[in-house]
Amino acid sequence: MKIIARGRNTGKTMEIIKESASSGNYILVRNHHEAQKLFQLAQEMKLSIPLPVTVSEISLGRIQGTSIKRDGIIVDNAELVLQQLIGAEINTLTISISEEDGE
């Protein structure tokens, strides 16, 4: 798993758009507004990506028949996606990083 950890407005989303365009992997976002915004940004960057999926689409099982289970998924703003999924603010979060992870 690749981890991109930087401050706000440092190009993380643009980086994952490029990764999605290259790999064909879907991007998971919190909601439809973010999905549309991200898809529009990709178009402005002249990159072709699959339409991003939302937490609600995952919850409703709408990813059946897609390549997500086989190829994996890219997650934008993972902490916000997780908060949306569980319906509560996250006070503390841990992640494990191996030598091959991160930047």
PDB file of N, CA and C in Angstrom:
ATOM      1  N   MET A   1       0.850  -1.178   0.000  1.00  0.00           N
ATOM      2  CA  MET A   1       0.000   0.000   0.000  1.00  0.00           C
ATOM      3  C   MET A   1       0.891   1.234   0.000  1.00  0.00           C
ATOM      4  N   LYS A   2       0.593   2.126  -0.913  1.00  0.00           N
ATOM      5  CA  LYS A   2       1.306   3.399  -0.988  1.00  0.00           C
ATOM      6  C   LYS A   2       0.569   4.395  -0.097  1.00  0.00           C
ATOM      7  N   ILE A   3       1.307   5.143   0.708  1.00  0.00           N
ATOM      8  CA  ILE A   3       0.718   6.158   1.581  1.00  0.00           C
ATOM      9  C   ILE A   3       1.263   7.520   1.171  1.00  0.00           C
ATOM     10  N   ILE A   4       0.364   8.458   0.933  1.00  0.00           N
ATOM     11  CA  ILE A   4       0.741   9.833   0.607  1.00  0.00           C
ATOM     12  C   ILE A   4       0.281  10.683   1.780  1.00  0.00           C
ATOM     13  N   ALA A   5       1.218  11.186   2.554  1.00  0.00           N
ATOM     14  CA  ALA A   5       0.881  11.966   3.748  1.00  0.00           C
ATOM     15  C   ALA A   5       1.583  13.317   3.676  1.00  0.00           C
ATOM     16  N   ARG A   6       0.797  14.331   3.399  1.00  0.00           N
ATOM     17  CA  ARG A   6       1.301  15.710   3.360  1.00  0.00           C
ATOM     18  C   ARG A   6       0.178  16.623   3.829  1.00  0.00           C
ATOM     19  N   GLY A   7       0.481  17.882   3.993  1.00  0.00           N
ATOM     20  CA  GLY A   7      -0.515  18.861   4.420  1.00  0.00           C
ATOM     21  C   GLY A   7      -1.565  19.127   3.355  1.00  0.00           C
ATOM     22  N   ARG A   8      -2.585  19.879   3.722  1.00  0.00           N
ATOM     23  CA  ARG A   8      -3.648  20.270   2.793  1.00  0.00           C
ATOM     24  C   ARG A   8      -3.061  21.139   1.681  1.00  0.00           C
ATOM     25  N   ASN A   9      -3.682  21.023   0.500  1.00  0.00           N
ATOM     26  CA  ASN A   9      -3.300  21.819  -0.668  1.00  0.00           C
ATOM     27  C   ASN A   9      -1.837  21.634  -1.081  1.00  0.00           C
ATOM     28  N   THR A  10      -1.374  20.378  -1.060  1.00  0.00           N
ATOM     29  CA  THR A  10       0.002  20.087  -1.478  1.00  0.00           C
ATOM     30  C   THR A  10       0.056  19.151  -2.680  1.00  0.00           C
ATOM     31  N   GLY A  11      -1.095  18.945  -3.351  1.00  0.00           N
ATOM     32  CA  GLY A  11      -1.109  18.160  -4.574  1.00  0.00           C
ATOM     33  C   GLY A  11      -1.380  16.676  -4.414  1.00  0.00           C
ATOM     34  N   LYS A  12      -1.854  16.250  -3.242  1.00  0.00           N
ATOM     35  CA  LYS A  12      -2.131  14.826  -3.025  1.00  0.00           C
ATOM     36  C   LYS A  12      -3.222  14.323  -3.966  1.00  0.00           C
ATOM     37  N   THR A  13      -4.305  15.080  -4.091  1.00  0.00           N
ATOM     38  CA  THR A  13      -5.412  14.655  -4.947  1.00  0.00           C
ATOM     39  C   THR A  13      -4.979  14.615  -6.404  1.00  0.00           C
ATOM     40  N   MET A  14      -4.206  15.578  -6.844  1.00  0.00           N
ATOM     41  CA  MET A  14      -3.706  15.565  -8.223  1.00  0.00           C
ATOM     42  C   MET A  14      -2.823  14.339  -8.456  1.00  0.00           C
ATOM     43  N   GLU A  15      -2.059  13.963  -7.447  1.00  0.00           N
ATOM     44  CA  GLU A  15      -1.204  12.788  -7.559  1.00  0.00           C
ATOM     45  C   GLU A  15      -2.027  11.509  -7.710  1.00  0.00           C
ATOM     46  N   ILE A  16      -3.115  11.386  -6.940  1.00  0.00           N
ATOM     47  CA  ILE A  16      -3.914  10.164  -7.061  1.00  0.00           C
ATOM     48  C   ILE A  16      -4.721  10.142  -8.359  1.00  0.00           C
ATOM     49  N   ILE A  17      -5.077  11.316  -8.874  1.00  0.00           N
ATOM     50  CA  ILE A  17      -5.744  11.369 -10.180  1.00  0.00           C
ATOM     51  C   ILE A  17      -4.794  10.823 -11.246  1.00  0.00           C
ATOM     52  N   LYS A  18      -3.546  11.244 -11.203  1.00  0.00           N
ATOM     53  CA  LYS A  18      -2.552  10.729 -12.155  1.00  0.00           C
ATOM     54  C   LYS A  18      -2.376   9.224 -11.997  1.00  0.00           C
ATOM     55  N   GLU A  19      -2.364   8.754 -10.746  1.00  0.00           N
ATOM     56  CA  GLU A  19      -2.225   7.321 -10.486  1.00  0.00           C
ATOM     57  C   GLU A  19      -3.435   6.550 -11.026  1.00  0.00           C
ATOM     58  N   SER A  20      -4.638   7.084 -10.825  1.00  0.00           N
ATOM     59  CA  SER A  20      -5.847   6.447 -11.332  1.00  0.00           C
ATOM     60  C   SER A  20      -5.844   6.410 -12.859  1.00  0.00           C
ATOM     61  N   ALA A  21      -5.421   7.499 -13.484  1.00  0.00           N
ATOM     62  CA  ALA A  21      -5.362   7.546 -14.945  1.00  0.00           C
ATOM     63  C   ALA A  21      -4.378   6.519 -15.482  1.00  0.00           C
ATOM     64  N   SER A  22      -3.295   6.318 -14.771  1.00  0.00           N
ATOM     65  CA  SER A  22      -2.267   5.370 -15.191  1.00  0.00           C
ATOM     66  C   SER A  22      -2.690   3.920 -14.953  1.00  0.00           C
ATOM     67  N   SER A  23      -3.285   3.657 -13.784  1.00  0.00           N
ATOM     68  CA  SER A  23      -3.602   2.279 -13.385  1.00  0.00           C
ATOM     69  C   SER A  23      -5.005   1.836 -13.769  1.00  0.00           C
ATOM     70  N   GLY A  24      -5.921   2.789 -13.917  1.00  0.00           N
ATOM     71  CA  GLY A  24      -7.321   2.454 -14.152  1.00  0.00           C
ATOM     72  C   GLY A  24      -8.086   2.150 -12.871  1.00  0.00           C
ATOM     73  N   ASN A  25      -7.416   2.288 -11.701  1.00  0.00           N
ATOM     74  CA  ASN A  25      -8.071   2.035 -10.420  1.00  0.00           C
ATOM     75  C   ASN A  25      -9.086   3.134 -10.108  1.00  0.00           C
ATOM     76  N   TYR A  26     -10.197   2.720  -9.489  1.00  0.00           N
ATOM     77  CA  TYR A  26     -11.198   3.670  -9.020  1.00  0.00           C
ATOM     78  C   TYR A  26     -10.655   4.432  -7.813  1.00  0.00           C
ATOM     79  N   ILE A  27     -11.208   5.626  -7.580  1.00  0.00           N
ATOM     80  CA  ILE A  27     -10.889   6.433  -6.399  1.00  0.00           C
ATOM     81  C   ILE A  27     -12.132   6.474  -5.519  1.00  0.00           C
ATOM     82  N   LEU A  28     -11.950   6.216  -4.222  1.00  0.00           N
ATOM     83  CA  LEU A  28     -13.040   6.277  -3.246  1.00  0.00           C
ATOM     84  C   LEU A  28     -13.025   7.631  -2.553  1.00  0.00           C
ATOM     85  N   VAL A  29     -14.196   8.284  -2.518  1.00  0.00           N
ATOM     86  CA  VAL A  29     -14.360   9.581  -1.842  1.00  0.00           C
ATOM     87  C   VAL A  29     -15.564   9.503  -0.914  1.00  0.00           C
ATOM     88  N   ARG A  30     -15.761  10.553  -0.105  1.00  0.00           N
ATOM     89  CA  ARG A  30     -16.856  10.566   0.868  1.00  0.00           C
ATOM     90  C   ARG A  30     -18.236  10.578   0.245  1.00  0.00           C
ATOM     91  N   ASN A  31     -18.442  11.451  -0.740  1.00  0.00           N
ATOM     92  CA  ASN A  31     -19.803  11.668  -1.232  1.00  0.00           C
ATOM     93  C   ASN A  31     -19.807  12.035  -2.715  1.00  0.00           C
ATOM     94  N   HIS A  32     -21.005  12.181  -3.277  1.00  0.00           N
ATOM     95  CA  HIS A  32     -21.157  12.459  -4.711  1.00  0.00           C
ATOM     96  C   HIS A  32     -20.579  13.814  -5.098  1.00  0.00           C
ATOM     97  N   HIS A  33     -20.692  14.799  -4.224  1.00  0.00           N
ATOM     98  CA  HIS A  33     -20.121  16.115  -4.516  1.00  0.00           C
ATOM     99  C   HIS A  33     -18.613  16.000  -4.735  1.00  0.00           C
ATOM    100  N   GLU A  34     -17.930  15.279  -3.838  1.00  0.00           N
ATOM    101  CA  GLU A  34     -16.485  15.100  -3.986  1.00  0.00           C
ATOM    102  C   GLU A  34     -16.152  14.282  -5.225  1.00  0.00           C
ATOM    103  N   ALA A  35     -16.983  13.297  -5.540  1.00  0.00           N
ATOM    104  CA  ALA A  35     -16.755  12.473  -6.732  1.00  0.00           C
ATOM    105  C   ALA A  35     -16.819  13.332  -7.991  1.00  0.00           C
ATOM    106  N   GLN A  36     -17.837  14.178  -8.081  1.00  0.00           N
ATOM    107  CA  GLN A  36     -17.975  15.053  -9.249  1.00  0.00           C
ATOM    108  C   GLN A  36     -16.825  16.050  -9.341  1.00  0.00           C
ATOM    109  N   LYS A  37     -16.442  16.611  -8.204  1.00  0.00           N
ATOM    110  CA  LYS A  37     -15.347  17.579  -8.159  1.00  0.00           C
ATOM    111  C   LYS A  37     -14.034  16.948  -8.622  1.00  0.00           C
ATOM    112  N   LEU A  38     -13.766  15.748  -8.132  1.00  0.00           N
ATOM    113  CA  LEU A  38     -12.537  15.051  -8.489  1.00  0.00           C
ATOM    114  C   LEU A  38     -12.538  14.664  -9.966  1.00  0.00           C
ATOM    115  N   PHE A  39     -13.673  14.183 -10.469  1.00  0.00           N
ATOM    116  CA  PHE A  39     -13.787  13.805 -11.874  1.00  0.00           C
ATOM    117  C   PHE A  39     -13.591  15.019 -12.773  1.00  0.00           C
ATOM    118  N   GLN A  40     -14.162  16.154 -12.381  1.00  0.00           N
ATOM    119  CA  GLN A  40     -14.004  17.393 -13.155  1.00  0.00           C
ATOM    120  C   GLN A  40     -12.542  17.843 -13.155  1.00  0.00           C
ATOM    121  N   LEU A  41     -11.866  17.728 -12.011  1.00  0.00           N
ATOM    122  CA  LEU A  41     -10.450  18.090 -11.935  1.00  0.00           C
ATOM    123  C   LEU A  41      -9.633  17.220 -12.883  1.00  0.00           C
ATOM    124  N   ALA A  42      -9.941  15.933 -12.941  1.00  0.00           N
ATOM    125  CA  ALA A  42      -9.243  15.034 -13.865  1.00  0.00           C
ATOM    126  C   ALA A  42      -9.449  15.486 -15.308  1.00  0.00           C
ATOM    127  N   GLN A  43     -10.671  15.876 -15.649  1.00  0.00           N
ATOM    128  CA  GLN A  43     -10.946  16.360 -17.003  1.00  0.00           C
ATOM    129  C   GLN A  43     -10.156  17.630 -17.302  1.00  0.00           C
ATOM    130  N   GLU A  44     -10.075  18.531 -16.318  1.00  0.00           N
ATOM    131  CA  GLU A  44      -9.295  19.761 -16.494  1.00  0.00           C
ATOM    132  C   GLU A  44      -7.805  19.451 -16.683  1.00  0.00           C
ATOM    133  N   MET A  45      -7.360  18.351 -16.057  1.00  0.00           N
ATOM    134  CA  MET A  45      -5.972  17.916 -16.202  1.00  0.00           C
ATOM    135  C   MET A  45      -5.774  17.113 -17.498  1.00  0.00           C
ATOM    136  N   LYS A  46      -6.877  16.945 -18.261  1.00  0.00           N
ATOM    137  CA  LYS A  46      -6.876  16.174 -19.500  1.00  0.00           C
ATOM    138  C   LYS A  46      -6.491  14.712 -19.263  1.00  0.00           C
ATOM    139  N   LEU A  47      -6.985  14.155 -18.134  1.00  0.00           N
ATOM    140  CA  LEU A  47      -6.729  12.758 -17.786  1.00  0.00           C
ATOM    141  C   LEU A  47      -8.050  12.009 -17.711  1.00  0.00           C
ATOM    142  N   SER A  48      -8.023  10.764 -18.130  1.00  0.00           N
ATOM    143  CA  SER A  48      -9.210   9.916 -18.109  1.00  0.00           C
ATOM    144  C   SER A  48      -9.131   8.964 -16.921  1.00  0.00           C
ATOM    145  N   ILE A  49     -10.142   9.059 -16.046  1.00  0.00           N
ATOM    146  CA  ILE A  49     -10.213   8.181 -14.874  1.00  0.00           C
ATOM    147  C   ILE A  49     -11.615   7.599 -14.790  1.00  0.00           C
ATOM    148  N   PRO A  50     -11.769   6.445 -14.106  1.00  0.00           N
ATOM    149  CA  PRO A  50     -13.125   5.951 -13.850  1.00  0.00           C
ATOM    150  C   PRO A  50     -13.850   6.935 -12.927  1.00  0.00           C
ATOM    151  N   LEU A  51     -15.171   7.022 -13.054  1.00  0.00           N
ATOM    152  CA  LEU A  51     -15.942   7.892 -12.159  1.00  0.00           C
ATOM    153  C   LEU A  51     -15.704   7.440 -10.723  1.00  0.00           C
ATOM    154  N   PRO A  52     -15.240   8.353  -9.838  1.00  0.00           N
ATOM    155  CA  PRO A  52     -14.972   7.964  -8.448  1.00  0.00           C
ATOM    156  C   PRO A  52     -16.208   7.371  -7.772  1.00  0.00           C
ATOM    157  N   VAL A  53     -15.969   6.470  -6.822  1.00  0.00           N
ATOM    158  CA  VAL A  53     -17.059   5.851  -6.068  1.00  0.00           C
ATOM    159  C   VAL A  53     -17.139   6.472  -4.683  1.00  0.00           C
ATOM    160  N   THR A  54     -18.316   6.377  -4.076  1.00  0.00           N
ATOM    161  CA  THR A  54     -18.562   6.997  -2.775  1.00  0.00           C
ATOM    162  C   THR A  54     -18.746   5.944  -1.688  1.00  0.00           C
ATOM    163  N   VAL A  55     -18.667   6.399  -0.450  1.00  0.00           N
ATOM    164  CA  VAL A  55     -18.900   5.525   0.696  1.00  0.00           C
ATOM    165  C   VAL A  55     -20.285   4.887   0.603  1.00  0.00           C
ATOM    166  N   SER A  56     -21.297   5.662   0.221  1.00  0.00           N
ATOM    167  CA  SER A  56     -22.651   5.100   0.148  1.00  0.00           C
ATOM    168  C   SER A  56     -22.754   4.033  -0.931  1.00  0.00           C
ATOM    169  N   GLU A  57     -22.061   4.200  -2.047  1.00  0.00           N
ATOM    170  CA  GLU A  57     -22.085   3.182  -3.094  1.00  0.00           C
ATOM    171  C   GLU A  57     -21.437   1.880  -2.614  1.00  0.00           C
ATOM    172  N   ILE A  58     -20.357   2.010  -1.852  1.00  0.00           N
ATOM    173  CA  ILE A  58     -19.707   0.830  -1.278  1.00  0.00           C
ATOM    174  C   ILE A  58     -20.678   0.151  -0.304  1.00  0.00           C
ATOM    175  N   SER A  59     -21.305   0.953   0.568  1.00  0.00           N
ATOM    176  CA  SER A  59     -22.230   0.415   1.572  1.00  0.00           C
ATOM    177  C   SER A  59     -23.418  -0.299   0.936  1.00  0.00           C
ATOM    178  N   LEU A  60     -23.864   0.208  -0.212  1.00  0.00           N
ATOM    179  CA  LEU A  60     -25.022  -0.381  -0.894  1.00  0.00           C
ATOM    180  C   LEU A  60     -24.628  -1.531  -1.822  1.00  0.00           C
ATOM    181  N   GLY A  61     -23.350  -1.865  -1.873  1.00  0.00           N
ATOM    182  CA  GLY A  61     -22.893  -2.981  -2.695  1.00  0.00           C
ATOM    183  C   GLY A  61     -22.845  -2.691  -4.174  1.00  0.00           C
ATOM    184  N   ARG A  62     -22.789  -1.423  -4.530  1.00  0.00           N
ATOM    185  CA  ARG A  62     -22.814  -1.050  -5.947  1.00  0.00           C
ATOM    186  C   ARG A  62     -21.479  -1.240  -6.662  1.00  0.00           C
ATOM    187  N   ILE A  63     -20.505  -1.803  -5.984  1.00  0.00           N
ATOM    188  CA  ILE A  63     -19.211  -2.034  -6.636  1.00  0.00           C
ATOM    189  C   ILE A  63     -19.110  -3.453  -7.192  1.00  0.00           C
ATOM    190  N   GLN A  64     -20.176  -4.253  -6.987  1.00  0.00           N
ATOM    191  CA  GLN A  64     -20.179  -5.611  -7.529  1.00  0.00           C
ATOM    192  C   GLN A  64     -20.019  -5.546  -9.045  1.00  0.00           C
ATOM    193  N   GLY A  65     -19.178  -6.396  -9.574  1.00  0.00           N
ATOM    194  CA  GLY A  65     -18.965  -6.430 -11.019  1.00  0.00           C
ATOM    195  C   GLY A  65     -17.933  -5.436 -11.519  1.00  0.00           C
ATOM    196  N   THR A  66     -17.355  -4.660 -10.617  1.00  0.00           N
ATOM    197  CA  THR A  66     -16.286  -3.746 -11.028  1.00  0.00           C
ATOM    198  C   THR A  66     -14.936  -4.421 -10.786  1.00  0.00           C
ATOM    199  N   SER A  67     -13.884  -3.749 -11.169  1.00  0.00           N
ATOM    200  CA  SER A  67     -12.527  -4.283 -10.984  1.00  0.00           C
ATOM    201  C   SER A  67     -11.974  -4.008  -9.585  1.00  0.00           C
ATOM    202  N   ILE A  68     -12.748  -3.391  -8.717  1.00  0.00           N
ATOM    203  CA  ILE A  68     -12.242  -2.952  -7.417  1.00  0.00           C
ATOM    204  C   ILE A  68     -11.734  -4.112  -6.569  1.00  0.00           C
ATOM    205  N   LYS A  69     -12.506  -5.180  -6.457  1.00  0.00           N
ATOM    206  CA  LYS A  69     -12.065  -6.303  -5.614  1.00  0.00           C
ATOM    207  C   LYS A  69     -10.807  -6.956  -6.179  1.00  0.00           C
ATOM    208  N   ARG A  70     -10.686  -7.007  -7.487  1.00  0.00           N
ATOM    209  CA  ARG A  70      -9.537  -7.636  -8.128  1.00  0.00           C
ATOM    210  C   ARG A  70      -8.291  -6.735  -8.087  1.00  0.00           C
ATOM    211  N   ASP A  71      -8.475  -5.446  -8.411  1.00  0.00           N
ATOM    212  CA  ASP A  71      -7.339  -4.539  -8.600  1.00  0.00           C
ATOM    213  C   ASP A  71      -7.074  -3.593  -7.439  1.00  0.00           C
ATOM    214  N   GLY A  72      -8.013  -3.496  -6.490  1.00  0.00           N
ATOM    215  CA  GLY A  72      -7.846  -2.560  -5.383  1.00  0.00           C
ATOM    216  C   GLY A  72      -8.441  -1.203  -5.701  1.00  0.00           C
ATOM    217  N   ILE A  73      -8.261  -0.280  -4.775  1.00  0.00           N
ATOM    218  CA  ILE A  73      -8.869   1.046  -4.890  1.00  0.00           C
ATOM    219  C   ILE A  73      -7.923   2.083  -4.317  1.00  0.00           C
ATOM    220  N   ILE A  74      -8.056   3.296  -4.792  1.00  0.00           N
ATOM    221  CA  ILE A  74      -7.306   4.448  -4.285  1.00  0.00           C
ATOM    222  C   ILE A  74      -8.265   5.231  -3.392  1.00  0.00           C
ATOM    223  N   VAL A  75      -7.826   5.645  -2.218  1.00  0.00           N
ATOM    224  CA  VAL A  75      -8.703   6.373  -1.296  1.00  0.00           C
ATOM    225  C   VAL A  75      -8.193   7.802  -1.145  1.00  0.00           C
ATOM    226  N   ASP A  76      -9.060   8.775  -1.418  1.00  0.00           N
ATOM    227  CA  ASP A  76      -8.719  10.188  -1.242  1.00  0.00           C
ATOM    228  C   ASP A  76      -9.219  10.638   0.131  1.00  0.00           C
ATOM    229  N   ASN A  77      -8.351  11.282   0.881  1.00  0.00           N
ATOM    230  CA  ASN A  77      -8.689  11.776   2.226  1.00  0.00           C
ATOM    231  C   ASN A  77      -9.250  10.644   3.093  1.00  0.00           C
ATOM    232  N   ALA A  78      -8.416   9.648   3.338  1.00  0.00           N
ATOM    233  CA  ALA A  78      -8.836   8.421   4.032  1.00  0.00           C
ATOM    234  C   ALA A  78      -9.494   8.694   5.376  1.00  0.00           C
ATOM    235  N   GLU A  79      -8.997   9.665   6.116  1.00  0.00           N
ATOM    236  CA  GLU A  79      -9.587   9.936   7.428  1.00  0.00           C
ATOM    237  C   GLU A  79     -11.019  10.426   7.306  1.00  0.00           C
ATOM    238  N   LEU A  80     -11.322  11.228   6.270  1.00  0.00           N
ATOM    239  CA  LEU A  80     -12.678  11.722   6.055  1.00  0.00           C
ATOM    240  C   LEU A  80     -13.595  10.608   5.554  1.00  0.00           C
ATOM    241  N   VAL A  81     -13.059   9.742   4.694  1.00  0.00           N
ATOM    242  CA  VAL A  81     -13.828   8.592   4.213  1.00  0.00           C
ATOM    243  C   VAL A  81     -14.200   7.683   5.383  1.00  0.00           C
ATOM    244  N   LEU A  82     -13.243   7.425   6.272  1.00  0.00           N
ATOM    245  CA  LEU A  82     -13.501   6.566   7.423  1.00  0.00           C
ATOM    246  C   LEU A  82     -14.532   7.191   8.358  1.00  0.00           C
ATOM    247  N   GLN A  83     -14.440   8.501   8.587  1.00  0.00           N
ATOM    248  CA  GLN A  83     -15.435   9.187   9.424  1.00  0.00           C
ATOM    249  C   GLN A  83     -16.824   9.083   8.815  1.00  0.00           C
ATOM    250  N   GLN A  84     -16.922   9.229   7.495  1.00  0.00           N
ATOM    251  CA  GLN A  84     -18.210   9.096   6.803  1.00  0.00           C
ATOM    252  C   GLN A  84     -18.744   7.681   6.949  1.00  0.00           C
ATOM    253  N   LEU A  85     -17.866   6.713   6.829  1.00  0.00           N
ATOM    254  CA  LEU A  85     -18.268   5.313   6.910  1.00  0.00           C
ATOM    255  C   LEU A  85     -18.816   4.947   8.286  1.00  0.00           C
ATOM    256  N   ILE A  86     -18.147   5.423   9.350  1.00  0.00           N
ATOM    257  CA  ILE A  86     -18.586   5.049  10.704  1.00  0.00           C
ATOM    258  C   ILE A  86     -19.555   6.061  11.318  1.00  0.00           C
ATOM    259  N   GLY A  87     -19.657   7.234  10.720  1.00  0.00           N
ATOM    260  CA  GLY A  87     -20.604   8.231  11.212  1.00  0.00           C
ATOM    261  C   GLY A  87     -20.179   8.905  12.493  1.00  0.00           C
ATOM    262  N   ALA A  88     -18.884   9.002  12.718  1.00  0.00           N
ATOM    263  CA  ALA A  88     -18.376   9.661  13.924  1.00  0.00           C
ATOM    264  C   ALA A  88     -17.017  10.286  13.624  1.00  0.00           C
ATOM    265  N   GLU A  89     -16.692  11.328  14.391  1.00  0.00           N
ATOM    266  CA  GLU A  89     -15.389  11.970  14.257  1.00  0.00           C
ATOM    267  C   GLU A  89     -14.310  11.043  14.804  1.00  0.00           C
ATOM    268  N   ILE A  90     -13.180  11.016  14.126  1.00  0.00           N
ATOM    269  CA  ILE A  90     -12.047  10.216  14.580  1.00  0.00           C
ATOM    270  C   ILE A  90     -11.145  11.110  15.422  1.00  0.00           C
ATOM    271  N   ASN A  91     -10.899  10.723  16.650  1.00  0.00           N
ATOM    272  CA  ASN A  91     -10.029  11.493  17.532  1.00  0.00           C
ATOM    273  C   ASN A  91      -8.562  11.108  17.369  1.00  0.00           C
ATOM    274  N   THR A  92      -8.295   9.824  17.195  1.00  0.00           N
ATOM    275  CA  THR A  92      -6.935   9.325  17.027  1.00  0.00           C
ATOM    276  C   THR A  92      -6.964   8.222  15.983  1.00  0.00           C
ATOM    277  N   LEU A  93      -5.943   8.180  15.140  1.00  0.00           N
ATOM    278  CA  LEU A  93      -5.869   7.203  14.065  1.00  0.00           C
ATOM    279  C   LEU A  93      -4.450   6.673  13.981  1.00  0.00           C
ATOM    280  N   THR A  94      -4.289   5.369  13.839  1.00  0.00           N
ATOM    281  CA  THR A  94      -2.957   4.811  13.625  1.00  0.00           C
ATOM    282  C   THR A  94      -2.920   4.113  12.276  1.00  0.00           C
ATOM    283  N   ILE A  95      -1.750   4.069  11.691  1.00  0.00           N
ATOM    284  CA  ILE A  95      -1.523   3.282  10.483  1.00  0.00           C
ATOM    285  C   ILE A  95      -0.161   2.623  10.621  1.00  0.00           C
ATOM    286  N   SER A  96      -0.003   1.511   9.959  1.00  0.00           N
ATOM    287  CA  SER A  96       1.282   0.819   9.955  1.00  0.00           C
ATOM    288  C   SER A  96       1.980   1.106   8.648  1.00  0.00           C
ATOM    289  N   ILE A  97       3.256   1.398   8.722  1.00  0.00           N
ATOM    290  CA  ILE A  97       4.050   1.699   7.540  1.00  0.00           C
ATOM    291  C   ILE A  97       5.207   0.719   7.469  1.00  0.00           C
ATOM    292  N   SER A  98       5.314   0.006   6.357  1.00  0.00           N
ATOM    293  CA  SER A  98       6.467  -0.843   6.143  1.00  0.00           C
ATOM    294  C   SER A  98       7.505  -0.048   5.370  1.00  0.00           C
ATOM    295  N   GLU A  99       8.667  -0.589   5.162  1.00  0.00           N
ATOM    296  CA  GLU A  99       9.726   0.133   4.462  1.00  0.00           C
ATOM    297  C   GLU A  99       9.337   0.475   3.039  1.00  0.00           C
ATOM    298  N   GLU A 100       8.487  -0.351   2.406  1.00  0.00           N
ATOM    299  CA  GLU A 100       8.094  -0.085   1.025  1.00  0.00           C
ATOM    300  C   GLU A 100       6.943   0.911   0.927  1.00  0.00           C
ATOM    301  N   ASP A 101       6.299   1.256   2.049  1.00  0.00           N
ATOM    302  CA  ASP A 101       5.196   2.215   2.063  1.00  0.00           C
ATOM    303  C   ASP A 101       5.720   3.632   2.160  1.00  0.00           C
ATOM    304  N   GLY A 102       4.794   4.556   1.948  1.00  0.00           N
ATOM    305  CA  GLY A 102       5.077   5.972   2.184  1.00  0.00           C
ATOM    306  C   GLY A 102       5.837   6.623   1.070  1.00  0.00           C
ATOM    307  N   GLU A 103       6.293   7.829   1.388  1.00  0.00           N
ATOM    308  CA  GLU A 103       7.012   8.619   0.403  1.00  0.00           C
ATOM    309  C   GLU A 103       8.400   8.898   0.872  1.00  0.00           C
TER     310      GLU A 103
END
